[in-house]
Amino acid sequence: MALVSPHLSAADYVIDTTGAHAFIQFKIKHLGYSWLLGRFDKFSGSFSYDETNPAAAKVSVKIDPASIDSNHAERDKHLRSKGFLDVDQYPEAAFVSTSFSDQGNGKALLKGNLTLHGVTKEITIDVNHIGAGDDPWGGYRSGFEGHTQLTLKDFGIQSDLGPASQTVELYLSIEGIRQ
């Protein structure tokens, strides 16, 4: 007879953006000469995860693209403009998972639909389960990191800063609080 910890059953989590324990960061080459790094400061979401049945995992995230922060106010204004994110016309980006494929050793492939700049495309995120456990405040948390790469033109973003600047790398660090 196998014993299963109550912490290993299916659970719903809210992404901890209030405590700043979650990040959506990006990296893109600037003209092919250097890396431009930034993040989205406002987003929210939730996920369900069962360590005994990872394939049942579900994720939903909403992002405010106007919250883009590249540590340069004028550049951020340009990134919010019609030539890039066009945040006036597209005030929300969203990701909704469609599958979670366990690859072993805490690694997985998360597939889902990303809506960005008014275009919805399926993307795949390489996921690593960092860990889970009790927190010092009487709650329970689970954390993941993820990496993916997006081609800007796939999402209708037509600005061209040269061939080295056509794709953006996303890094996600997500910590959820069990509900």
Protein backbone atom coordinates (compact mmCIF):
# COMPACT_ATOMS: atom_id res chain seq x y z
CA MET A 1 0.00 0.00 0.00
CA ALA A 2 1.42 3.39 -1.01
CA LEU A 3 1.03 6.39 1.20
CA VAL A 4 0.37 9.73 -0.47
CA SER A 5 1.00 13.01 1.31
CA PRO A 6 -1.99 15.39 1.36
CA HIS A 7 0.32 17.99 -0.22
CA LEU A 8 0.64 15.85 -3.33
CA SER A 9 -3.02 15.93 -4.38
CA ALA A 10 -4.53 18.22 -6.99
CA ALA A 11 -4.57 21.83 -5.89
CA ASP A 12 -5.48 25.24 -7.26
CA TYR A 13 -3.00 28.08 -6.90
CA VAL A 14 -3.10 31.86 -7.37
CA ILE A 15 0.08 33.31 -8.84
CA ASP A 16 1.74 35.44 -6.16
CA THR A 17 2.12 38.79 -7.87
CA THR A 18 1.13 40.67 -4.70
CA GLY A 19 4.21 39.44 -2.87
CA ALA A 20 6.32 39.88 -6.02
CA HIS A 21 7.16 36.18 -6.17
CA ALA A 22 6.38 35.88 -9.87
CA PHE A 23 7.95 37.46 -12.95
CA ILE A 24 7.41 37.64 -16.69
CA GLN A 25 10.65 38.81 -18.24
CA PHE A 26 11.82 39.17 -21.82
CA LYS A 27 15.08 39.41 -23.72
CA ILE A 28 15.49 40.55 -27.33
CA LYS A 29 18.51 41.57 -29.32
CA HIS A 30 18.75 45.30 -29.93
CA LEU A 31 19.76 45.70 -33.58
CA GLY A 32 21.84 42.54 -33.16
CA TYR A 33 24.42 44.42 -31.08
CA SER A 34 23.30 43.86 -27.51
CA TRP A 35 20.48 42.41 -25.41
CA LEU A 36 17.49 44.46 -24.31
CA LEU A 37 16.00 43.11 -21.09
CA GLY A 38 12.65 43.94 -19.58
CA ARG A 39 9.56 42.69 -17.82
CA PHE A 40 5.81 43.07 -17.51
CA ASP A 41 4.96 44.52 -14.12
CA LYS A 42 1.20 43.81 -14.09
CA PHE A 43 -0.20 40.33 -14.60
CA SER A 44 -2.39 37.86 -12.78
CA GLY A 45 -3.27 34.24 -13.06
CA SER A 46 -3.83 30.86 -11.57
CA PHE A 47 -2.87 27.26 -12.09
CA SER A 48 -3.90 23.79 -11.00
CA TYR A 49 -1.23 21.19 -10.37
CA ASP A 50 -1.26 17.62 -9.08
CA GLU A 51 2.19 16.10 -8.56
CA THR A 52 0.67 12.62 -8.93
CA ASN A 53 -1.02 13.54 -12.23
CA PRO A 54 0.93 16.37 -13.90
CA ALA A 55 -0.91 15.91 -17.23
CA ALA A 56 -4.01 17.39 -15.57
CA ALA A 57 -2.26 20.74 -14.95
CA LYS A 58 -3.99 23.90 -16.15
CA VAL A 59 -2.68 27.48 -16.37
CA SER A 60 -4.38 30.80 -17.08
CA VAL A 61 -2.56 34.16 -17.11
CA LYS A 62 -3.60 37.71 -18.08
CA ILE A 63 -0.95 40.32 -18.80
CA ASP A 64 -1.23 44.10 -19.04
CA PRO A 65 1.12 44.90 -21.96
CA ALA A 66 1.10 48.60 -20.99
CA SER A 67 3.04 47.56 -17.87
CA ILE A 68 6.12 46.79 -19.99
CA ASP A 69 9.29 48.03 -18.29
CA SER A 70 12.66 48.03 -20.04
CA ASN A 71 14.21 50.48 -17.59
CA HIS A 72 13.95 53.36 -20.10
CA ALA A 73 10.77 55.50 -20.19
CA GLU A 74 11.11 56.68 -23.81
CA ARG A 75 11.76 53.16 -25.09
CA ASP A 76 8.80 51.84 -23.08
CA LYS A 77 6.60 54.52 -24.67
CA HIS A 78 7.80 53.33 -28.09
CA LEU A 79 7.16 49.66 -27.17
CA ARG A 80 3.58 50.55 -26.13
CA SER A 81 2.95 52.35 -29.45
CA LYS A 82 1.19 51.12 -32.61
CA GLY A 83 4.49 49.93 -34.07
CA PHE A 84 4.93 47.33 -31.34
CA LEU A 85 2.42 46.28 -28.68
CA ASP A 86 -0.27 48.88 -29.58
CA VAL A 87 -1.61 48.80 -26.02
CA ASP A 88 -4.45 51.22 -26.81
CA GLN A 89 -5.97 48.75 -29.27
CA TYR A 90 -4.80 45.57 -27.47
CA PRO A 91 -4.92 46.30 -23.71
CA GLU A 92 -4.60 42.67 -22.63
CA ALA A 93 -2.50 39.65 -23.48
CA ALA A 94 -3.49 36.22 -22.22
CA PHE A 95 -2.25 32.64 -22.02
CA VAL A 96 -4.51 29.62 -21.51
CA SER A 97 -2.96 26.17 -21.39
CA THR A 98 -4.15 23.28 -23.54
CA SER A 99 -1.79 20.52 -22.36
CA PHE A 100 0.98 19.74 -19.89
CA SER A 101 3.35 16.93 -20.86
CA ASP A 102 5.54 15.58 -18.05
CA GLN A 103 9.09 14.92 -19.30
CA GLY A 104 10.41 13.51 -16.00
CA ASN A 105 12.76 14.96 -13.37
CA GLY A 106 10.51 17.99 -12.82
CA LYS A 107 10.61 19.01 -16.48
CA ALA A 108 7.54 19.42 -18.69
CA LEU A 109 6.23 20.95 -21.89
CA LEU A 110 3.33 23.33 -21.39
CA LYS A 111 1.30 24.07 -24.50
CA GLY A 112 -1.35 26.72 -24.76
CA ASN A 113 -2.83 29.61 -26.64
CA LEU A 114 -1.13 32.98 -26.28
CA THR A 115 -3.12 36.02 -27.37
CA LEU A 116 -0.83 38.96 -27.99
CA HIS A 117 -1.42 42.04 -30.15
CA GLY A 118 -4.86 40.66 -31.09
CA VAL A 119 -3.44 37.40 -32.48
CA THR A 120 -3.84 33.99 -30.85
CA LYS A 121 -1.20 31.33 -31.51
CA GLU A 122 -0.28 28.07 -29.84
CA ILE A 123 3.06 28.22 -28.06
CA THR A 124 5.12 25.70 -26.10
CA ILE A 125 6.86 26.61 -22.85
CA ASP A 126 9.70 24.49 -21.48
CA VAL A 127 8.85 24.14 -17.79
CA ASN A 128 10.88 23.19 -14.74
CA HIS A 129 9.13 22.50 -11.42
CA ILE A 130 11.32 24.24 -8.85
CA GLY A 131 9.62 22.89 -5.74
CA ALA A 132 6.66 22.96 -3.41
CA GLY A 133 6.04 23.09 0.31
CA ASP A 134 4.79 24.92 3.34
CA ASP A 135 5.57 28.63 3.61
CA PRO A 136 6.33 30.58 6.83
CA TRP A 137 2.83 32.15 6.84
CA GLY A 138 0.85 28.92 7.17
CA GLY A 139 0.23 28.44 3.46
CA TYR A 140 1.51 26.08 0.81
CA ARG A 141 3.33 27.13 -2.37
CA SER A 142 4.47 25.60 -5.62
CA GLY A 143 6.93 27.17 -8.02
CA PHE A 144 7.89 26.77 -11.67
CA GLU A 145 10.11 28.44 -14.22
CA GLY A 146 9.57 28.45 -17.96
CA HIS A 147 11.27 29.50 -21.18
CA THR A 148 9.88 30.08 -24.65
CA GLN A 149 10.67 32.07 -27.75
CA LEU A 150 8.22 34.10 -29.86
CA THR A 151 8.56 35.43 -33.40
CA LEU A 152 7.13 38.96 -33.35
CA LYS A 153 5.64 38.81 -36.86
CA ASP A 154 3.66 35.69 -35.84
CA PHE A 155 1.70 38.01 -33.55
CA GLY A 156 1.26 40.80 -36.11
CA ILE A 157 4.06 42.98 -34.71
CA GLN A 158 5.58 44.30 -37.92
CA SER A 159 8.30 46.66 -36.64
CA ASP A 160 11.63 45.55 -38.05
CA LEU A 161 14.80 46.26 -36.11
CA GLY A 162 16.87 43.88 -38.22
CA PRO A 163 17.12 40.11 -38.61
CA ALA A 164 18.65 39.56 -35.16
CA SER A 165 15.65 41.27 -33.52
CA GLN A 166 12.80 39.17 -34.93
CA THR A 167 12.38 36.88 -31.92
CA VAL A 168 11.93 37.56 -28.24
CA GLU A 169 12.84 35.15 -25.45
CA LEU A 170 10.46 34.95 -22.50
CA TYR A 171 11.46 33.78 -19.03
CA LEU A 172 8.71 33.07 -16.52
CA SER A 173 9.21 32.55 -12.81
CA ILE A 174 5.91 31.60 -11.23
CA GLU A 175 5.17 30.92 -7.59
CA GLY A 176 1.62 30.05 -6.65
CA ILE A 177 -0.17 30.06 -3.31
CA ARG A 178 -2.49 27.11 -2.82
CA GLN A 179 -6.10 28.13 -2.32
